[in-house]
Amino acid sequence: MEKIQNGFRFLYRLIIFIALTIAFLLTSFRIHWRTKDEFERMDKFSKNGSFFTKLVCRFFNIKINVINGPAEDKVGLIVGNHMGFIDILVMNSLMPSLFITSKEIKETPFLGLLCEMGGCLFVERRSRSTINDELSEIIKYLKEGFRVILFPEATSTNGEGIFPFKRTLLTAAPLAEVPVQPYCFNYLSINGEPFNLKYRNAVCWYGTITFVEGFFRFSSLKEIVVEVNFLDPVYSKPEDDRGKVADGIREMIVKKFKPVQLS
């Protein structure tokens, strides 16, 4: 019976997701065609994406507990841990933002289009030859008052811990004279149970799990309760040791992280 219910739930949500995706792309293309100014277009992209991800969270029954949410007019480089596409949906639903993601995602059919129409900034993680240009692009948007979200682990994890942070892109904040706003993303419960191995592969997108596999498992869940805990802003200077800054921000997040229960 449970498998049948999961199947119906998946089909219902798949139809909803397809409908929302079509509506999102139509409105995004309309913005793209009608808005010539670069910053105005990205602002509209981010607000449009936030509107539709709120709807996705509602229809997929993702309940969000926010702790110490930043003021609406507070801008900066938003930095947190990353376990898959659910935390992207959650963060985008909370605040219109520009996400930093890889050019590999941009080159991925369908996902790349969604990211581009959502106002993402792309970086080449396979080569560091363009890092200065990419850093300049991030700084430019931060100076224009955009919230930019960075996952400094540079990948998603299996929920057991938080990887070391990549340092270079974190320097965009002091160079743009804005703070880093750390946050910790946690799963509190899934289908009324604690975040454990039974549900890990349904909410974490890592290793060899494909997007289709992850989406099917995620869509079959009854309810997901998550927590986004915003921590104290970090103000640094361009001359500060970027390794120490990155490690310090990571340590703040690690202290609030609630890993998957392994037993």
C-alpha atoms as a PDB file:
ATOM      1  CA  MET A   1       0.000   0.000   0.000  1.00  0.00           C
ATOM      2  CA  GLU A   2       2.807   2.406   0.893  1.00  0.00           C
ATOM      3  CA  LYS A   3       4.504   1.860  -2.477  1.00  0.00           C
ATOM      4  CA  ILE A   4       1.232   2.578  -4.265  1.00  0.00           C
ATOM      5  CA  GLN A   5       0.738   5.772  -2.259  1.00  0.00           C
ATOM      6  CA  ASN A   6       4.317   6.824  -2.983  1.00  0.00           C
ATOM      7  CA  GLY A   7       3.734   6.195  -6.682  1.00  0.00           C
ATOM      8  CA  PHE A   8       0.583   8.317  -6.777  1.00  0.00           C
ATOM      9  CA  ARG A   9       2.298  11.043  -4.760  1.00  0.00           C
ATOM     10  CA  PHE A  10       5.195  11.055  -7.213  1.00  0.00           C
ATOM     11  CA  LEU A  11       2.911  11.277 -10.260  1.00  0.00           C
ATOM     12  CA  TYR A  12       0.874  14.100  -8.732  1.00  0.00           C
ATOM     13  CA  ARG A  13       3.968  16.071  -7.835  1.00  0.00           C
ATOM     14  CA  LEU A  14       5.596  15.360 -11.175  1.00  0.00           C
ATOM     15  CA  ILE A  15       2.605  16.926 -12.935  1.00  0.00           C
ATOM     16  CA  ILE A  16       2.767  19.913 -10.581  1.00  0.00           C
ATOM     17  CA  PHE A  17       6.520  20.242 -11.095  1.00  0.00           C
ATOM     18  CA  ILE A  18       6.201  20.135 -14.884  1.00  0.00           C
ATOM     19  CA  ALA A  19       3.448  22.772 -14.798  1.00  0.00           C
ATOM     20  CA  LEU A  20       5.475  25.050 -12.497  1.00  0.00           C
ATOM     21  CA  THR A  21       8.613  24.549 -14.601  1.00  0.00           C
ATOM     22  CA  ILE A  22       6.795  25.517 -17.808  1.00  0.00           C
ATOM     23  CA  ALA A  23       5.333  28.585 -16.107  1.00  0.00           C
ATOM     24  CA  PHE A  24       8.765  29.492 -14.695  1.00  0.00           C
ATOM     25  CA  LEU A  25      10.475  29.192 -18.071  1.00  0.00           C
ATOM     26  CA  LEU A  26       7.768  31.180 -19.867  1.00  0.00           C
ATOM     27  CA  THR A  27       8.008  34.040 -17.363  1.00  0.00           C
ATOM     28  CA  SER A  28      11.818  33.859 -17.402  1.00  0.00           C
ATOM     29  CA  PHE A  29      12.004  34.040 -21.201  1.00  0.00           C
ATOM     30  CA  ARG A  30       9.610  36.981 -21.096  1.00  0.00           C
ATOM     31  CA  ILE A  31      11.984  38.733 -18.661  1.00  0.00           C
ATOM     32  CA  HIS A  32      14.958  37.844 -20.856  1.00  0.00           C
ATOM     33  CA  TRP A  33      13.385  39.256 -24.006  1.00  0.00           C
ATOM     34  CA  ARG A  34      11.889  42.404 -22.473  1.00  0.00           C
ATOM     35  CA  THR A  35      14.601  43.470 -20.026  1.00  0.00           C
ATOM     36  CA  LYS A  36      17.740  44.876 -21.606  1.00  0.00           C
ATOM     37  CA  ASP A  37      19.565  46.164 -18.521  1.00  0.00           C
ATOM     38  CA  GLU A  38      21.812  43.431 -17.085  1.00  0.00           C
ATOM     39  CA  PHE A  39      21.214  44.184 -13.416  1.00  0.00           C
ATOM     40  CA  GLU A  40      17.486  44.704 -13.802  1.00  0.00           C
ATOM     41  CA  ARG A  41      17.225  41.402 -15.652  1.00  0.00           C
ATOM     42  CA  MET A  42      19.125  39.504 -12.964  1.00  0.00           C
ATOM     43  CA  ASP A  43      17.006  41.138 -10.262  1.00  0.00           C
ATOM     44  CA  LYS A  44      13.837  40.005 -12.006  1.00  0.00           C
ATOM     45  CA  PHE A  45      15.283  36.533 -12.599  1.00  0.00           C
ATOM     46  CA  SER A  46      16.071  36.140  -8.888  1.00  0.00           C
ATOM     47  CA  LYS A  47      12.636  37.344  -7.754  1.00  0.00           C
ATOM     48  CA  ASN A  48      10.871  35.145 -10.305  1.00  0.00           C
ATOM     49  CA  GLY A  49      12.906  32.125  -9.184  1.00  0.00           C
ATOM     50  CA  SER A  50      12.140  32.824  -5.535  1.00  0.00           C
ATOM     51  CA  PHE A  51       8.398  33.009  -6.281  1.00  0.00           C
ATOM     52  CA  PHE A  52       8.342  29.633  -8.034  1.00  0.00           C
ATOM     53  CA  THR A  53      10.571  27.851  -5.508  1.00  0.00           C
ATOM     54  CA  LYS A  54       8.153  28.932  -2.775  1.00  0.00           C
ATOM     55  CA  LEU A  55       5.414  27.149  -4.710  1.00  0.00           C
ATOM     56  CA  VAL A  56       7.585  24.048  -5.140  1.00  0.00           C
ATOM     57  CA  CYS A  57       8.297  23.929  -1.401  1.00  0.00           C
ATOM     58  CA  ARG A  58       4.580  24.266  -0.675  1.00  0.00           C
ATOM     59  CA  PHE A  59       3.468  21.505  -3.072  1.00  0.00           C
ATOM     60  CA  PHE A  60       6.279  19.181  -1.995  1.00  0.00           C
ATOM     61  CA  ASN A  61       5.413  19.798   1.668  1.00  0.00           C
ATOM     62  CA  ILE A  62       8.785  21.196   2.694  1.00  0.00           C
ATOM     63  CA  LYS A  63       8.370  22.980   6.014  1.00  0.00           C
ATOM     64  CA  ILE A  64      11.044  25.524   6.880  1.00  0.00           C
ATOM     65  CA  ASN A  65      12.113  26.719  10.333  1.00  0.00           C
ATOM     66  CA  VAL A  66      14.207  29.889  10.137  1.00  0.00           C
ATOM     67  CA  ILE A  67      16.444  30.980  13.006  1.00  0.00           C
ATOM     68  CA  ASN A  68      17.818  34.548  13.097  1.00  0.00           C
ATOM     69  CA  GLY A  69      16.829  35.383   9.539  1.00  0.00           C
ATOM     70  CA  PRO A  70      18.708  38.401   8.117  1.00  0.00           C
ATOM     71  CA  ALA A  71      16.903  41.688   7.532  1.00  0.00           C
ATOM     72  CA  GLU A  72      15.366  42.079   4.094  1.00  0.00           C
ATOM     73  CA  ASP A  73      17.698  44.949   3.237  1.00  0.00           C
ATOM     74  CA  LYS A  74      20.809  43.098   4.423  1.00  0.00           C
ATOM     75  CA  VAL A  75      23.013  42.141   1.477  1.00  0.00           C
ATOM     76  CA  GLY A  76      26.179  40.121   1.291  1.00  0.00           C
ATOM     77  CA  LEU A  77      27.729  36.794   0.382  1.00  0.00           C
ATOM     78  CA  ILE A  78      25.463  34.077   1.812  1.00  0.00           C
ATOM     79  CA  VAL A  79      27.486  30.967   2.672  1.00  0.00           C
ATOM     80  CA  GLY A  80      26.310  27.561   3.905  1.00  0.00           C
ATOM     81  CA  ASN A  81      26.608  23.792   3.745  1.00  0.00           C
ATOM     82  CA  HIS A  82      25.194  21.894   0.787  1.00  0.00           C
ATOM     83  CA  MET A  83      23.515  18.477   0.635  1.00  0.00           C
ATOM     84  CA  GLY A  84      21.585  18.623  -2.631  1.00  0.00           C
ATOM     85  CA  PHE A  85      18.900  20.410  -4.603  1.00  0.00           C
ATOM     86  CA  ILE A  86      16.488  20.672  -1.650  1.00  0.00           C
ATOM     87  CA  ASP A  87      18.625  23.232   0.179  1.00  0.00           C
ATOM     88  CA  ILE A  88      18.786  25.240  -3.064  1.00  0.00           C
ATOM     89  CA  LEU A  89      14.977  25.275  -3.264  1.00  0.00           C
ATOM     90  CA  VAL A  90      14.714  26.252   0.392  1.00  0.00           C
ATOM     91  CA  MET A  91      17.268  29.067   0.254  1.00  0.00           C
ATOM     92  CA  ASN A  92      15.841  30.484  -2.958  1.00  0.00           C
ATOM     93  CA  SER A  93      12.335  30.413  -1.477  1.00  0.00           C
ATOM     94  CA  LEU A  94      13.524  32.433   1.534  1.00  0.00           C
ATOM     95  CA  MET A  95      15.192  35.261  -0.359  1.00  0.00           C
ATOM     96  CA  PRO A  96      15.703  36.331  -3.977  1.00  0.00           C
ATOM     97  CA  SER A  97      19.369  35.559  -4.609  1.00  0.00           C
ATOM     98  CA  LEU A  98      21.948  34.773  -7.248  1.00  0.00           C
ATOM     99  CA  PHE A  99      23.478  31.321  -6.821  1.00  0.00           C
ATOM    100  CA  ILE A 100      27.055  30.498  -7.728  1.00  0.00           C
ATOM    101  CA  THR A 101      27.214  27.151  -9.504  1.00  0.00           C
ATOM    102  CA  SER A 102      29.547  25.322 -11.859  1.00  0.00           C
ATOM    103  CA  LYS A 103      29.739  25.579 -15.631  1.00  0.00           C
ATOM    104  CA  GLU A 104      29.323  21.790 -15.630  1.00  0.00           C
ATOM    105  CA  ILE A 105      25.759  22.370 -14.409  1.00  0.00           C
ATOM    106  CA  LYS A 106      25.285  25.034 -17.087  1.00  0.00           C
ATOM    107  CA  GLU A 107      26.278  22.446 -19.695  1.00  0.00           C
ATOM    108  CA  THR A 108      23.818  19.887 -18.288  1.00  0.00           C
ATOM    109  CA  PRO A 109      20.633  19.681 -20.397  1.00  0.00           C
ATOM    110  CA  PHE A 110      17.535  21.091 -18.656  1.00  0.00           C
ATOM    111  CA  LEU A 111      19.327  21.851 -15.350  1.00  0.00           C
ATOM    112  CA  GLY A 112      21.569  24.338 -17.110  1.00  0.00           C
ATOM    113  CA  LEU A 113      18.570  26.137 -18.602  1.00  0.00           C
ATOM    114  CA  LEU A 114      16.794  26.293 -15.231  1.00  0.00           C
ATOM    115  CA  CYS A 115      19.891  27.727 -13.573  1.00  0.00           C
ATOM    116  CA  GLU A 116      20.497  30.307 -16.290  1.00  0.00           C
ATOM    117  CA  MET A 117      16.873  31.496 -16.198  1.00  0.00           C
ATOM    118  CA  GLY A 118      17.067  31.582 -12.401  1.00  0.00           C
ATOM    119  CA  GLY A 119      19.906  34.088 -12.469  1.00  0.00           C
ATOM    120  CA  CYS A 120      22.866  31.892 -11.529  1.00  0.00           C
ATOM    121  CA  LEU A 121      26.508  32.951 -11.776  1.00  0.00           C
ATOM    122  CA  PHE A 122      28.704  30.231 -13.266  1.00  0.00           C
ATOM    123  CA  VAL A 123      32.284  29.326 -12.349  1.00  0.00           C
ATOM    124  CA  GLU A 124      34.655  26.869 -13.978  1.00  0.00           C
ATOM    125  CA  ARG A 125      35.651  24.403 -11.270  1.00  0.00           C
ATOM    126  CA  ARG A 126      37.586  22.169 -13.690  1.00  0.00           C
ATOM    127  CA  SER A 127      40.170  24.900 -14.358  1.00  0.00           C
ATOM    128  CA  ARG A 128      41.308  27.896 -12.327  1.00  0.00           C
ATOM    129  CA  SER A 129      42.526  29.932 -15.321  1.00  0.00           C
ATOM    130  CA  THR A 130      39.377  32.094 -15.343  1.00  0.00           C
ATOM    131  CA  ILE A 131      39.046  32.542 -11.571  1.00  0.00           C
ATOM    132  CA  ASN A 132      39.919  36.262 -11.573  1.00  0.00           C
ATOM    133  CA  ASP A 133      37.215  37.053 -14.148  1.00  0.00           C
ATOM    134  CA  GLU A 134      34.673  34.970 -12.213  1.00  0.00           C
ATOM    135  CA  LEU A 135      35.630  36.655  -8.956  1.00  0.00           C
ATOM    136  CA  SER A 136      35.202  40.058 -10.585  1.00  0.00           C
ATOM    137  CA  GLU A 137      31.718  39.057 -11.773  1.00  0.00           C
ATOM    138  CA  ILE A 138      30.655  38.070  -8.248  1.00  0.00           C
ATOM    139  CA  ILE A 139      32.105  41.276  -6.777  1.00  0.00           C
ATOM    140  CA  LYS A 140      30.216  43.312  -9.364  1.00  0.00           C
ATOM    141  CA  TYR A 141      26.851  41.884  -8.330  1.00  0.00           C
ATOM    142  CA  LEU A 142      27.609  42.169  -4.625  1.00  0.00           C
ATOM    143  CA  LYS A 143      28.439  45.855  -5.089  1.00  0.00           C
ATOM    144  CA  GLU A 144      25.138  46.300  -6.909  1.00  0.00           C
ATOM    145  CA  GLY A 145      23.292  45.113  -3.804  1.00  0.00           C
ATOM    146  CA  PHE A 146      22.491  41.519  -4.781  1.00  0.00           C
ATOM    147  CA  ARG A 147      22.490  38.654  -2.329  1.00  0.00           C
ATOM    148  CA  VAL A 148      24.820  36.005  -3.713  1.00  0.00           C
ATOM    149  CA  ILE A 149      24.711  32.442  -2.359  1.00  0.00           C
ATOM    150  CA  LEU A 150      27.887  30.352  -2.362  1.00  0.00           C
ATOM    151  CA  PHE A 151      28.385  26.717  -1.372  1.00  0.00           C
ATOM    152  CA  PRO A 152      32.101  26.794  -0.522  1.00  0.00           C
ATOM    153  CA  GLU A 153      32.365  23.006  -0.224  1.00  0.00           C
ATOM    154  CA  ALA A 154      32.069  23.120  -4.046  1.00  0.00           C
ATOM    155  CA  THR A 155      29.978  19.947  -4.016  1.00  0.00           C
ATOM    156  CA  SER A 156      27.052  18.376  -2.180  1.00  0.00           C
ATOM    157  CA  THR A 157      27.552  15.879   0.641  1.00  0.00           C
ATOM    158  CA  ASN A 158      25.925  12.770   2.122  1.00  0.00           C
ATOM    159  CA  GLY A 159      24.889  14.476   5.350  1.00  0.00           C
ATOM    160  CA  GLU A 160      27.608  12.983   7.540  1.00  0.00           C
ATOM    161  CA  GLY A 161      29.746  16.098   7.759  1.00  0.00           C
ATOM    162  CA  ILE A 162      30.882  19.312   6.096  1.00  0.00           C
ATOM    163  CA  PHE A 163      33.808  19.309   3.671  1.00  0.00           C
ATOM    164  CA  PRO A 164      36.649  21.857   3.899  1.00  0.00           C
ATOM    165  CA  PHE A 165      35.772  25.190   2.298  1.00  0.00           C
ATOM    166  CA  LYS A 166      37.307  26.437  -0.938  1.00  0.00           C
ATOM    167  CA  ARG A 167      38.779  29.823  -0.193  1.00  0.00           C
ATOM    168  CA  THR A 168      39.097  31.926  -3.319  1.00  0.00           C
ATOM    169  CA  LEU A 169      35.481  32.906  -3.966  1.00  0.00           C
ATOM    170  CA  LEU A 170      34.999  33.831  -0.301  1.00  0.00           C
ATOM    171  CA  THR A 171      37.326  36.776  -0.906  1.00  0.00           C
ATOM    172  CA  ALA A 172      34.585  38.358  -3.027  1.00  0.00           C
ATOM    173  CA  ALA A 173      32.941  39.642   0.167  1.00  0.00           C
ATOM    174  CA  PRO A 174      35.789  41.774   1.546  1.00  0.00           C
ATOM    175  CA  LEU A 175      36.705  42.941  -1.958  1.00  0.00           C
ATOM    176  CA  ALA A 176      33.102  44.109  -2.442  1.00  0.00           C
ATOM    177  CA  GLU A 177      33.079  45.546   1.122  1.00  0.00           C
ATOM    178  CA  VAL A 178      30.122  43.402   2.210  1.00  0.00           C
ATOM    179  CA  PRO A 179      29.890  40.791   4.991  1.00  0.00           C
ATOM    180  CA  VAL A 180      29.770  37.038   4.694  1.00  0.00           C
ATOM    181  CA  GLN A 181      26.459  35.787   6.081  1.00  0.00           C
ATOM    182  CA  PRO A 182      26.960  32.155   7.193  1.00  0.00           C
ATOM    183  CA  TYR A 183      24.050  29.799   7.692  1.00  0.00           C
ATOM    184  CA  CYS A 184      23.648  26.140   8.615  1.00  0.00           C
ATOM    185  CA  PHE A 185      21.120  23.972   6.790  1.00  0.00           C
ATOM    186  CA  ASN A 186      19.756  20.946   8.684  1.00  0.00           C
ATOM    187  CA  TYR A 187      17.149  18.271   8.117  1.00  0.00           C
ATOM    188  CA  LEU A 188      15.009  18.005  11.251  1.00  0.00           C
ATOM    189  CA  SER A 189      12.634  15.233  10.204  1.00  0.00           C
ATOM    190  CA  ILE A 190      11.506  13.301   7.156  1.00  0.00           C
ATOM    191  CA  ASN A 191       8.071  11.671   7.087  1.00  0.00           C
ATOM    192  CA  GLY A 192       7.884  12.357  10.815  1.00  0.00           C
ATOM    193  CA  GLU A 193      11.133  10.487  11.551  1.00  0.00           C
ATOM    194  CA  PRO A 194      14.625  11.813  12.341  1.00  0.00           C
ATOM    195  CA  PHE A 195      17.070  12.353   9.476  1.00  0.00           C
ATOM    196  CA  ASN A 196      18.569   8.865   9.196  1.00  0.00           C
ATOM    197  CA  LEU A 197      19.981   6.389   6.692  1.00  0.00           C
ATOM    198  CA  LYS A 198      16.495   5.273   5.690  1.00  0.00           C
ATOM    199  CA  TYR A 199      15.867   8.637   4.051  1.00  0.00           C
ATOM    200  CA  ARG A 200      19.340   9.935   3.305  1.00  0.00           C
ATOM    201  CA  ASN A 201      19.342   9.049  -0.389  1.00  0.00           C
ATOM    202  CA  ALA A 202      15.956  10.724  -0.774  1.00  0.00           C
ATOM    203  CA  VAL A 203      17.182  14.137   0.382  1.00  0.00           C
ATOM    204  CA  CYS A 204      20.944  14.138  -0.260  1.00  0.00           C
ATOM    205  CA  TRP A 205      22.227  14.328  -3.829  1.00  0.00           C
ATOM    206  CA  TYR A 206      25.765  12.967  -3.841  1.00  0.00           C
ATOM    207  CA  GLY A 207      28.086  10.373  -5.343  1.00  0.00           C
ATOM    208  CA  THR A 208      26.566   8.462  -8.259  1.00  0.00           C
ATOM    209  CA  ILE A 209      22.934   9.358  -7.530  1.00  0.00           C
ATOM    210  CA  THR A 210      21.422  10.841 -10.689  1.00  0.00           C
ATOM    211  CA  PHE A 211      19.055  13.805 -10.733  1.00  0.00           C
ATOM    212  CA  VAL A 212      16.202  11.552 -11.889  1.00  0.00           C
ATOM    213  CA  GLU A 213      16.808   9.077  -9.035  1.00  0.00           C
ATOM    214  CA  GLY A 214      17.034  11.849  -6.478  1.00  0.00           C
ATOM    215  CA  PHE A 215      13.936  13.610  -7.799  1.00  0.00           C
ATOM    216  CA  PHE A 216      11.835  10.426  -7.708  1.00  0.00           C
ATOM    217  CA  ARG A 217      12.811   9.617  -4.111  1.00  0.00           C
ATOM    218  CA  PHE A 218      12.355  13.221  -2.969  1.00  0.00           C
ATOM    219  CA  SER A 219       8.971  13.547  -4.676  1.00  0.00           C
ATOM    220  CA  SER A 220       7.653  10.413  -2.986  1.00  0.00           C
ATOM    221  CA  LEU A 221       8.161  11.760   0.545  1.00  0.00           C
ATOM    222  CA  LYS A 222       5.159  12.897   2.581  1.00  0.00           C
ATOM    223  CA  GLU A 223       6.871  15.689   4.489  1.00  0.00           C
ATOM    224  CA  ILE A 224      10.284  17.242   4.984  1.00  0.00           C
ATOM    225  CA  VAL A 225      11.051  19.576   7.879  1.00  0.00           C
ATOM    226  CA  VAL A 226      14.241  21.613   7.589  1.00  0.00           C
ATOM    227  CA  GLU A 227      16.015  24.276   9.587  1.00  0.00           C
ATOM    228  CA  VAL A 228      17.985  27.256   8.304  1.00  0.00           C
ATOM    229  CA  ASN A 229      20.038  28.801  11.090  1.00  0.00           C
ATOM    230  CA  PHE A 230      21.591  32.148  10.156  1.00  0.00           C
ATOM    231  CA  LEU A 231      24.739  32.880  12.135  1.00  0.00           C
ATOM    232  CA  ASP A 232      26.564  36.097  12.980  1.00  0.00           C
ATOM    233  CA  PRO A 233      27.862  37.994   9.932  1.00  0.00           C
ATOM    234  CA  VAL A 234      31.602  37.861   9.334  1.00  0.00           C
ATOM    235  CA  TYR A 235      33.372  41.071   8.337  1.00  0.00           C
ATOM    236  CA  SER A 236      36.837  40.586   6.896  1.00  0.00           C
ATOM    237  CA  LYS A 237      39.376  42.632   4.978  1.00  0.00           C
ATOM    238  CA  PRO A 238      41.103  41.805   1.676  1.00  0.00           C
ATOM    239  CA  GLU A 239      44.458  41.540   3.472  1.00  0.00           C
ATOM    240  CA  ASP A 240      43.192  38.978   6.019  1.00  0.00           C
ATOM    241  CA  ASP A 241      44.448  35.399   5.756  1.00  0.00           C
ATOM    242  CA  ARG A 242      41.787  33.826   3.552  1.00  0.00           C
ATOM    243  CA  GLY A 243      42.519  30.357   4.883  1.00  0.00           C
ATOM    244  CA  LYS A 244      41.840  31.406   8.452  1.00  0.00           C
ATOM    245  CA  VAL A 245      38.700  33.280   7.407  1.00  0.00           C
ATOM    246  CA  ALA A 246      37.362  30.273   5.487  1.00  0.00           C
ATOM    247  CA  ASP A 247      38.184  27.839   8.298  1.00  0.00           C
ATOM    248  CA  GLY A 248      36.584  30.142  10.860  1.00  0.00           C
ATOM    249  CA  ILE A 249      33.339  30.411   8.878  1.00  0.00           C
ATOM    250  CA  ARG A 250      33.260  26.658   8.361  1.00  0.00           C
ATOM    251  CA  GLU A 251      33.747  26.053  12.081  1.00  0.00           C
ATOM    252  CA  MET A 252      30.781  28.302  12.875  1.00  0.00           C
ATOM    253  CA  ILE A 253      28.586  26.190  10.595  1.00  0.00           C
ATOM    254  CA  VAL A 254      29.963  22.859  11.823  1.00  0.00           C
ATOM    255  CA  LYS A 255      28.963  23.741  15.408  1.00  0.00           C
ATOM    256  CA  LYS A 256      25.320  24.048  14.352  1.00  0.00           C
ATOM    257  CA  PHE A 257      25.252  21.096  11.949  1.00  0.00           C
ATOM    258  CA  LYS A 258      23.060  18.068  12.738  1.00  0.00           C
ATOM    259  CA  PRO A 259      24.407  15.101  10.756  1.00  0.00           C
ATOM    260  CA  VAL A 260      22.434  12.100   9.527  1.00  0.00           C
ATOM    261  CA  GLN A 261      21.858   9.463  12.206  1.00  0.00           C
ATOM    262  CA  LEU A 262      23.922   6.442  11.214  1.00  0.00           C
ATOM    263  CA  SER A 263      22.199   4.000  13.577  1.00  0.00           C
END
